Amino acid sequence: MERREFWKSLKEELFGFVREVAAPLAEEYAERLEEVSEAVEGVLWFPVRVRNLEPGEAELVFAGNDAFFVVKDRDGNERALRNRCPTCGGLLTHIPYARALRCLRCRTEYRILDNGGTLAPLWVRFRRDDEGARIGVKVDEP
């Protein structure tokens, strides 16, 4: 082995080792940084119990003093929204056969599968991980 090849292989092995050691630390640091930024923003996380949803399904959950719908779209993404119509402030109604949420007061509708319709949901933060599902709500939000 020539000297140049030796240094090249040593460099590759050293950088590979540093990558393996540093990656988990960087990931943990990023998670902590996100938690700190959310705390500064005033986000409170509430644990909620949500069953495994099929695409197009919604489940009503309660966090703090508010009600939220957790929905799952066609791509399998789970999101949470306030159980309030942004137009008139009325409660939303889940229509399972239409796979939609409707405000019966002003007749707006949100279609779960394609994220469409005339209702613009009031989205909130939602996470599901090994610890379970959680909804994040800003303290100053009404």
N, C-alpha and C. Protein backbone atom coordinates (compact mmCIF):
# COMPACT_ATOMS: atom_id res chain seq x y z
N MET A 1 0.85 -1.17 0.00
CA MET A 1 0.00 0.00 0.00
C MET A 1 0.89 1.24 0.00
N GLU A 2 0.58 2.14 -0.88
CA GLU A 2 1.35 3.37 -0.95
C GLU A 2 0.90 4.33 0.13
N ARG A 3 1.76 5.29 0.35
CA ARG A 3 1.47 6.28 1.38
C ARG A 3 0.18 7.05 1.07
N ARG A 4 -0.01 7.43 -0.17
CA ARG A 4 -1.20 8.19 -0.57
C ARG A 4 -2.47 7.36 -0.35
N GLU A 5 -2.43 6.09 -0.72
CA GLU A 5 -3.59 5.22 -0.51
C GLU A 5 -3.88 5.03 0.98
N PHE A 6 -2.80 4.90 1.76
CA PHE A 6 -2.95 4.75 3.20
C PHE A 6 -3.68 5.95 3.80
N TRP A 7 -3.23 7.17 3.47
CA TRP A 7 -3.85 8.37 4.02
C TRP A 7 -5.29 8.53 3.54
N LYS A 8 -5.53 8.15 2.30
CA LYS A 8 -6.89 8.23 1.76
C LYS A 8 -7.83 7.29 2.51
N SER A 9 -7.39 6.04 2.72
CA SER A 9 -8.23 5.08 3.44
C SER A 9 -8.41 5.49 4.90
N LEU A 10 -7.35 6.03 5.51
CA LEU A 10 -7.45 6.50 6.89
C LEU A 10 -8.47 7.64 7.00
N LYS A 11 -8.43 8.57 6.05
CA LYS A 11 -9.38 9.69 6.04
C LYS A 11 -10.82 9.19 5.90
N GLU A 12 -11.05 8.24 4.98
CA GLU A 12 -12.40 7.72 4.78
C GLU A 12 -12.92 7.01 6.03
N GLU A 13 -12.06 6.21 6.66
CA GLU A 13 -12.48 5.50 7.87
C GLU A 13 -12.75 6.46 9.02
N LEU A 14 -11.89 7.48 9.14
CA LEU A 14 -12.06 8.45 10.21
C LEU A 14 -13.36 9.24 10.03
N PHE A 15 -13.63 9.71 8.81
CA PHE A 15 -14.87 10.45 8.57
C PHE A 15 -16.10 9.55 8.74
N GLY A 16 -15.98 8.29 8.35
CA GLY A 16 -17.09 7.36 8.55
C GLY A 16 -17.39 7.17 10.03
N PHE A 17 -16.34 7.04 10.83
CA PHE A 17 -16.51 6.90 12.28
C PHE A 17 -17.15 8.15 12.88
N VAL A 18 -16.68 9.32 12.47
CA VAL A 18 -17.23 10.58 12.99
C VAL A 18 -18.70 10.71 12.61
N ARG A 19 -19.05 10.33 11.37
CA ARG A 19 -20.45 10.38 10.94
C ARG A 19 -21.33 9.48 11.80
N GLU A 20 -20.86 8.27 12.08
CA GLU A 20 -21.64 7.32 12.88
C GLU A 20 -21.84 7.81 14.30
N VAL A 21 -20.82 8.45 14.86
CA VAL A 21 -20.92 8.95 16.23
C VAL A 21 -21.72 10.24 16.30
N ALA A 22 -21.52 11.13 15.34
CA ALA A 22 -22.13 12.46 15.40
C ALA A 22 -23.60 12.47 14.98
N ALA A 23 -24.02 11.57 14.11
CA ALA A 23 -25.41 11.60 13.61
C ALA A 23 -26.44 11.48 14.73
N PRO A 24 -26.34 10.50 15.64
CA PRO A 24 -27.33 10.43 16.72
C PRO A 24 -27.30 11.65 17.64
N LEU A 25 -26.09 12.18 17.89
CA LEU A 25 -25.99 13.37 18.73
C LEU A 25 -26.64 14.57 18.08
N ALA A 26 -26.44 14.73 16.78
CA ALA A 26 -27.05 15.85 16.06
C ALA A 26 -28.57 15.72 16.04
N GLU A 27 -29.06 14.51 15.88
CA GLU A 27 -30.51 14.27 15.87
C GLU A 27 -31.12 14.60 17.24
N GLU A 28 -30.46 14.16 18.30
CA GLU A 28 -30.94 14.45 19.65
C GLU A 28 -30.91 15.95 19.93
N TYR A 29 -29.86 16.63 19.48
CA TYR A 29 -29.74 18.08 19.66
C TYR A 29 -30.85 18.80 18.91
N ALA A 30 -31.17 18.35 17.70
CA ALA A 30 -32.24 18.98 16.90
C ALA A 30 -33.59 18.81 17.60
N GLU A 31 -33.85 17.64 18.18
CA GLU A 31 -35.10 17.41 18.90
C GLU A 31 -35.21 18.32 20.11
N ARG A 32 -34.12 18.47 20.85
CA ARG A 32 -34.13 19.35 22.02
C ARG A 32 -34.33 20.80 21.61
N LEU A 33 -33.69 21.19 20.51
CA LEU A 33 -33.83 22.56 20.02
C LEU A 33 -35.27 22.84 19.62
N GLU A 34 -35.92 21.86 19.00
CA GLU A 34 -37.33 22.01 18.62
C GLU A 34 -38.21 22.14 19.86
N GLU A 35 -37.94 21.34 20.89
CA GLU A 35 -38.72 21.43 22.13
C GLU A 35 -38.57 22.80 22.78
N VAL A 36 -37.34 23.33 22.78
CA VAL A 36 -37.10 24.65 23.38
C VAL A 36 -37.82 25.73 22.60
N SER A 37 -37.76 25.67 21.27
CA SER A 37 -38.43 26.70 20.46
C SER A 37 -39.94 26.64 20.65
N GLU A 38 -40.51 25.44 20.80
CA GLU A 38 -41.94 25.32 21.05
C GLU A 38 -42.31 25.86 22.43
N ALA A 39 -41.44 25.64 23.41
CA ALA A 39 -41.70 26.17 24.75
C ALA A 39 -41.66 27.70 24.73
N VAL A 40 -40.74 28.28 23.97
CA VAL A 40 -40.67 29.74 23.86
C VAL A 40 -41.91 30.28 23.16
N GLU A 41 -42.40 29.56 22.16
CA GLU A 41 -43.63 29.96 21.45
C GLU A 41 -44.86 29.83 22.33
N GLY A 42 -44.78 29.05 23.38
CA GLY A 42 -45.93 28.86 24.26
C GLY A 42 -46.79 27.67 23.87
N VAL A 43 -46.19 26.64 23.29
CA VAL A 43 -46.94 25.45 22.88
C VAL A 43 -47.00 24.47 24.04
N LEU A 44 -48.22 24.07 24.40
CA LEU A 44 -48.42 23.04 25.41
C LEU A 44 -48.84 21.76 24.71
N TRP A 45 -48.25 20.64 25.12
CA TRP A 45 -48.56 19.34 24.51
C TRP A 45 -49.47 18.55 25.44
N PHE A 46 -50.57 18.07 24.88
CA PHE A 46 -51.54 17.27 25.63
C PHE A 46 -51.56 15.86 25.07
N PRO A 47 -51.40 14.84 25.93
CA PRO A 47 -51.53 13.47 25.44
C PRO A 47 -52.99 13.17 25.10
N VAL A 48 -53.19 12.48 24.01
CA VAL A 48 -54.54 12.08 23.59
C VAL A 48 -54.52 10.62 23.18
N ARG A 49 -55.65 9.98 23.32
CA ARG A 49 -55.77 8.58 22.90
C ARG A 49 -56.48 8.55 21.56
N VAL A 50 -55.76 8.10 20.53
CA VAL A 50 -56.31 8.03 19.18
C VAL A 50 -56.07 6.63 18.65
N ARG A 51 -57.12 5.99 18.17
CA ARG A 51 -56.96 4.66 17.58
C ARG A 51 -56.26 4.80 16.23
N ASN A 52 -55.83 3.69 15.67
CA ASN A 52 -55.23 3.72 14.34
C ASN A 52 -56.33 3.97 13.32
N LEU A 53 -56.22 5.07 12.63
CA LEU A 53 -57.24 5.47 11.67
C LEU A 53 -56.95 4.94 10.28
N GLU A 54 -58.00 4.69 9.54
CA GLU A 54 -57.90 4.35 8.12
C GLU A 54 -57.99 5.66 7.34
N PRO A 55 -57.45 5.69 6.11
CA PRO A 55 -57.57 6.92 5.31
C PRO A 55 -59.04 7.35 5.16
N GLY A 56 -59.28 8.63 5.39
CA GLY A 56 -60.62 9.18 5.30
C GLY A 56 -61.37 9.20 6.62
N GLU A 57 -60.81 8.59 7.66
CA GLU A 57 -61.48 8.55 8.95
C GLU A 57 -61.09 9.76 9.81
N ALA A 58 -61.94 10.04 10.77
CA ALA A 58 -61.69 11.11 11.73
C ALA A 58 -62.11 10.63 13.11
N GLU A 59 -61.44 11.13 14.12
CA GLU A 59 -61.80 10.79 15.50
C GLU A 59 -61.78 12.05 16.34
N LEU A 60 -62.81 12.24 17.13
CA LEU A 60 -62.92 13.39 18.02
C LEU A 60 -62.16 13.09 19.31
N VAL A 61 -61.26 13.98 19.70
CA VAL A 61 -60.49 13.83 20.93
C VAL A 61 -60.56 15.14 21.71
N PHE A 62 -60.28 15.05 22.99
CA PHE A 62 -60.30 16.23 23.85
C PHE A 62 -58.92 16.44 24.45
N ALA A 63 -58.44 17.68 24.39
CA ALA A 63 -57.14 18.05 24.95
C ALA A 63 -57.32 19.38 25.67
N GLY A 64 -56.99 19.39 26.95
CA GLY A 64 -57.24 20.60 27.72
C GLY A 64 -58.73 20.83 27.81
N ASN A 65 -59.17 22.03 27.46
CA ASN A 65 -60.59 22.36 27.49
C ASN A 65 -61.21 22.39 26.10
N ASP A 66 -60.51 21.90 25.10
CA ASP A 66 -60.97 21.99 23.72
C ASP A 66 -61.16 20.62 23.09
N ALA A 67 -61.95 20.61 22.02
CA ALA A 67 -62.18 19.40 21.23
C ALA A 67 -61.46 19.54 19.89
N PHE A 68 -60.90 18.44 19.42
CA PHE A 68 -60.15 18.41 18.17
C PHE A 68 -60.55 17.17 17.38
N PHE A 69 -60.45 17.25 16.08
CA PHE A 69 -60.58 16.07 15.23
C PHE A 69 -59.18 15.67 14.77
N VAL A 70 -58.87 14.39 14.86
CA VAL A 70 -57.66 13.84 14.24
C VAL A 70 -58.13 13.15 12.98
N VAL A 71 -57.53 13.50 11.84
CA VAL A 71 -57.94 12.95 10.55
C VAL A 71 -56.75 12.31 9.86
N LYS A 72 -57.05 11.39 8.95
CA LYS A 72 -56.00 10.73 8.17
C LYS A 72 -56.37 10.85 6.70
N ASP A 73 -55.48 11.45 5.91
CA ASP A 73 -55.78 11.66 4.49
C ASP A 73 -55.41 10.44 3.66
N ARG A 74 -55.58 10.56 2.36
CA ARG A 74 -55.34 9.46 1.43
C ARG A 74 -53.89 8.96 1.48
N ASP A 75 -52.94 9.88 1.72
CA ASP A 75 -51.51 9.52 1.76
C ASP A 75 -51.08 8.93 3.09
N GLY A 76 -52.00 8.85 4.06
CA GLY A 76 -51.68 8.28 5.36
C GLY A 76 -51.17 9.30 6.37
N ASN A 77 -51.21 10.58 6.03
CA ASN A 77 -50.76 11.63 6.95
C ASN A 77 -51.85 11.92 7.97
N GLU A 78 -51.47 11.89 9.25
CA GLU A 78 -52.41 12.22 10.32
C GLU A 78 -52.20 13.67 10.73
N ARG A 79 -53.31 14.39 10.89
CA ARG A 79 -53.27 15.79 11.29
C ARG A 79 -54.40 16.04 12.27
N ALA A 80 -54.28 17.13 13.00
CA ALA A 80 -55.32 17.49 13.96
C ALA A 80 -55.83 18.90 13.67
N LEU A 81 -57.13 19.08 13.87
CA LEU A 81 -57.73 20.39 13.67
C LEU A 81 -58.73 20.67 14.77
N ARG A 82 -58.94 21.95 15.02
CA ARG A 82 -59.92 22.35 16.04
C ARG A 82 -61.33 22.00 15.59
N ASN A 83 -62.16 21.65 16.54
CA ASN A 83 -63.56 21.34 16.25
C ASN A 83 -64.37 22.64 16.24
N ARG A 84 -63.95 23.57 15.42
CA ARG A 84 -64.63 24.86 15.26
C ARG A 84 -64.56 25.27 13.80
N CYS A 85 -65.65 25.83 13.31
CA CYS A 85 -65.67 26.38 11.96
C CYS A 85 -64.99 27.74 11.99
N PRO A 86 -63.99 27.98 11.13
CA PRO A 86 -63.33 29.28 11.13
C PRO A 86 -64.22 30.41 10.60
N THR A 87 -65.28 30.06 9.89
CA THR A 87 -66.17 31.07 9.32
C THR A 87 -67.18 31.59 10.34
N CYS A 88 -67.90 30.67 10.98
CA CYS A 88 -68.99 31.09 11.88
C CYS A 88 -68.76 30.71 13.34
N GLY A 89 -67.75 29.89 13.63
CA GLY A 89 -67.47 29.48 15.01
C GLY A 89 -68.29 28.30 15.49
N GLY A 90 -69.10 27.71 14.62
CA GLY A 90 -69.92 26.57 15.01
C GLY A 90 -69.09 25.29 15.14
N LEU A 91 -69.68 24.30 15.79
CA LEU A 91 -69.01 23.00 15.92
C LEU A 91 -69.09 22.25 14.60
N LEU A 92 -68.06 21.45 14.33
CA LEU A 92 -68.04 20.63 13.12
C LEU A 92 -68.70 19.29 13.41
N THR A 93 -69.26 18.70 12.38
CA THR A 93 -69.90 17.39 12.47
C THR A 93 -69.18 16.43 11.53
N HIS A 94 -68.85 15.25 12.04
CA HIS A 94 -68.19 14.24 11.21
C HIS A 94 -69.27 13.48 10.44
N ILE A 95 -69.12 13.43 9.11
CA ILE A 95 -70.04 12.69 8.25
C ILE A 95 -69.25 11.50 7.70
N PRO A 96 -69.32 10.32 8.35
CA PRO A 96 -68.47 9.19 7.97
C PRO A 96 -68.65 8.71 6.54
N TYR A 97 -69.89 8.61 6.04
CA TYR A 97 -70.09 8.07 4.70
C TYR A 97 -69.53 9.01 3.63
N ALA A 98 -69.46 10.31 3.91
CA ALA A 98 -68.90 11.27 2.96
C ALA A 98 -67.41 11.50 3.20
N ARG A 99 -66.90 10.92 4.30
CA ARG A 99 -65.52 11.13 4.70
C ARG A 99 -65.20 12.62 4.74
N ALA A 100 -66.02 13.33 5.50
CA ALA A 100 -65.92 14.78 5.55
C ALA A 100 -66.30 15.30 6.93
N LEU A 101 -65.89 16.53 7.19
CA LEU A 101 -66.32 17.28 8.36
C LEU A 101 -67.13 18.46 7.85
N ARG A 102 -68.30 18.70 8.45
CA ARG A 102 -69.17 19.77 7.98
C ARG A 102 -69.57 20.69 9.12
N CYS A 103 -69.73 21.94 8.77
CA CYS A 103 -70.36 22.90 9.67
C CYS A 103 -71.81 23.00 9.22
N LEU A 104 -72.72 22.57 10.06
CA LEU A 104 -74.13 22.57 9.69
C LEU A 104 -74.74 23.97 9.74
N ARG A 105 -74.07 24.88 10.42
CA ARG A 105 -74.59 26.23 10.52
C ARG A 105 -74.37 27.02 9.23
N CYS A 106 -73.15 26.99 8.69
CA CYS A 106 -72.88 27.78 7.48
C CYS A 106 -72.65 26.91 6.24
N ARG A 107 -72.83 25.60 6.37
CA ARG A 107 -72.79 24.66 5.25
C ARG A 107 -71.42 24.53 4.57
N THR A 108 -70.33 24.82 5.30
CA THR A 108 -69.00 24.59 4.73
C THR A 108 -68.60 23.15 5.02
N GLU A 109 -67.67 22.63 4.22
CA GLU A 109 -67.28 21.22 4.34
C GLU A 109 -65.80 21.07 4.07
N TYR A 110 -65.17 20.13 4.82
CA TYR A 110 -63.77 19.75 4.60
C TYR A 110 -63.76 18.27 4.25
N ARG A 111 -63.24 17.93 3.05
CA ARG A 111 -63.12 16.53 2.63
C ARG A 111 -61.78 15.99 3.12
N ILE A 112 -61.83 14.92 3.89
CA ILE A 112 -60.64 14.40 4.55
C ILE A 112 -59.66 13.77 3.56
N LEU A 113 -60.15 12.97 2.63
CA LEU A 113 -59.25 12.24 1.74
C LEU A 113 -58.39 13.14 0.86
N ASP A 114 -58.98 14.18 0.30
CA ASP A 114 -58.20 15.01 -0.63
C ASP A 114 -57.89 16.41 -0.10
N ASN A 115 -58.12 16.63 1.20
CA ASN A 115 -57.84 17.93 1.82
C ASN A 115 -58.52 19.07 1.08
N GLY A 116 -59.71 18.83 0.57
CA GLY A 116 -60.42 19.85 -0.19
C GLY A 116 -61.70 20.29 0.49
N GLY A 117 -62.44 21.13 -0.21
CA GLY A 117 -63.72 21.60 0.30
C GLY A 117 -63.72 23.09 0.54
N THR A 118 -64.82 23.57 1.08
CA THR A 118 -65.00 25.01 1.30
C THR A 118 -64.61 25.45 2.70
N LEU A 119 -64.29 24.52 3.57
CA LEU A 119 -63.91 24.85 4.94
C LEU A 119 -62.39 24.84 5.05
N ALA A 120 -61.82 25.89 5.59
CA ALA A 120 -60.37 25.96 5.82
C ALA A 120 -60.11 25.61 7.29
N PRO A 121 -59.66 24.39 7.57
CA PRO A 121 -59.51 23.94 8.96
C PRO A 121 -58.52 24.78 9.76
N LEU A 122 -58.75 24.85 11.06
CA LEU A 122 -57.83 25.49 11.98
C LEU A 122 -56.89 24.39 12.50
N TRP A 123 -55.77 24.19 11.80
CA TRP A 123 -54.85 23.11 12.12
C TRP A 123 -54.08 23.40 13.40
N VAL A 124 -53.79 22.34 14.14
CA VAL A 124 -52.93 22.41 15.32
C VAL A 124 -51.84 21.35 15.16
N ARG A 125 -50.82 21.44 16.00
CA ARG A 125 -49.73 20.47 15.92
C ARG A 125 -50.21 19.10 16.41
N PHE A 126 -49.71 18.04 15.75
CA PHE A 126 -50.07 16.68 16.13
C PHE A 126 -48.85 15.79 15.94
N ARG A 127 -48.58 14.96 16.92
CA ARG A 127 -47.47 14.00 16.84
C ARG A 127 -47.94 12.65 17.34
N ARG A 128 -47.43 11.63 16.67
CA ARG A 128 -47.62 10.26 17.14
C ARG A 128 -46.25 9.61 17.10
N ASP A 129 -45.80 9.10 18.25
CA ASP A 129 -44.50 8.44 18.32
C ASP A 129 -44.60 7.26 19.28
N ASP A 130 -43.46 6.79 19.76
CA ASP A 130 -43.45 5.64 20.67
C ASP A 130 -44.20 5.92 21.97
N GLU A 131 -44.24 7.19 22.38
CA GLU A 131 -44.89 7.56 23.63
C GLU A 131 -46.40 7.71 23.48
N GLY A 132 -46.91 7.70 22.25
CA GLY A 132 -48.34 7.87 22.00
C GLY A 132 -48.60 9.10 21.16
N ALA A 133 -49.86 9.52 21.14
CA ALA A 133 -50.26 10.68 20.34
C ALA A 133 -50.36 11.90 21.25
N ARG A 134 -49.99 13.07 20.68
CA ARG A 134 -50.05 14.33 21.43
C ARG A 134 -50.52 15.45 20.51
N ILE A 135 -51.26 16.37 21.08
CA ILE A 135 -51.71 17.56 20.36
C ILE A 135 -51.05 18.77 21.01
N GLY A 136 -50.44 19.61 20.17
CA GLY A 136 -49.78 20.82 20.65
C GLY A 136 -50.62 22.05 20.37
N VAL A 137 -50.90 22.81 21.43
CA VAL A 137 -51.75 23.99 21.31
C VAL A 137 -50.99 25.19 21.87
N LYS A 138 -50.99 26.29 21.11
CA LYS A 138 -50.38 27.52 21.61
C LYS A 138 -51.24 28.10 22.72
N VAL A 139 -50.59 28.62 23.73
CA VAL A 139 -51.30 29.12 24.91
C VAL A 139 -52.20 30.29 24.56
N ASP A 140 -51.77 31.18 23.67
CA ASP A 140 -52.55 32.39 23.37
C ASP A 140 -53.63 32.18 22.32
N GLU A 141 -53.76 30.97 21.76
CA GLU A 141 -54.80 30.72 20.77
C GLU A 141 -56.16 30.62 21.46
N PRO A 142 -57.19 31.21 20.86
CA PRO A 142 -58.52 31.14 21.49
C PRO A 142 -59.13 29.75 21.39
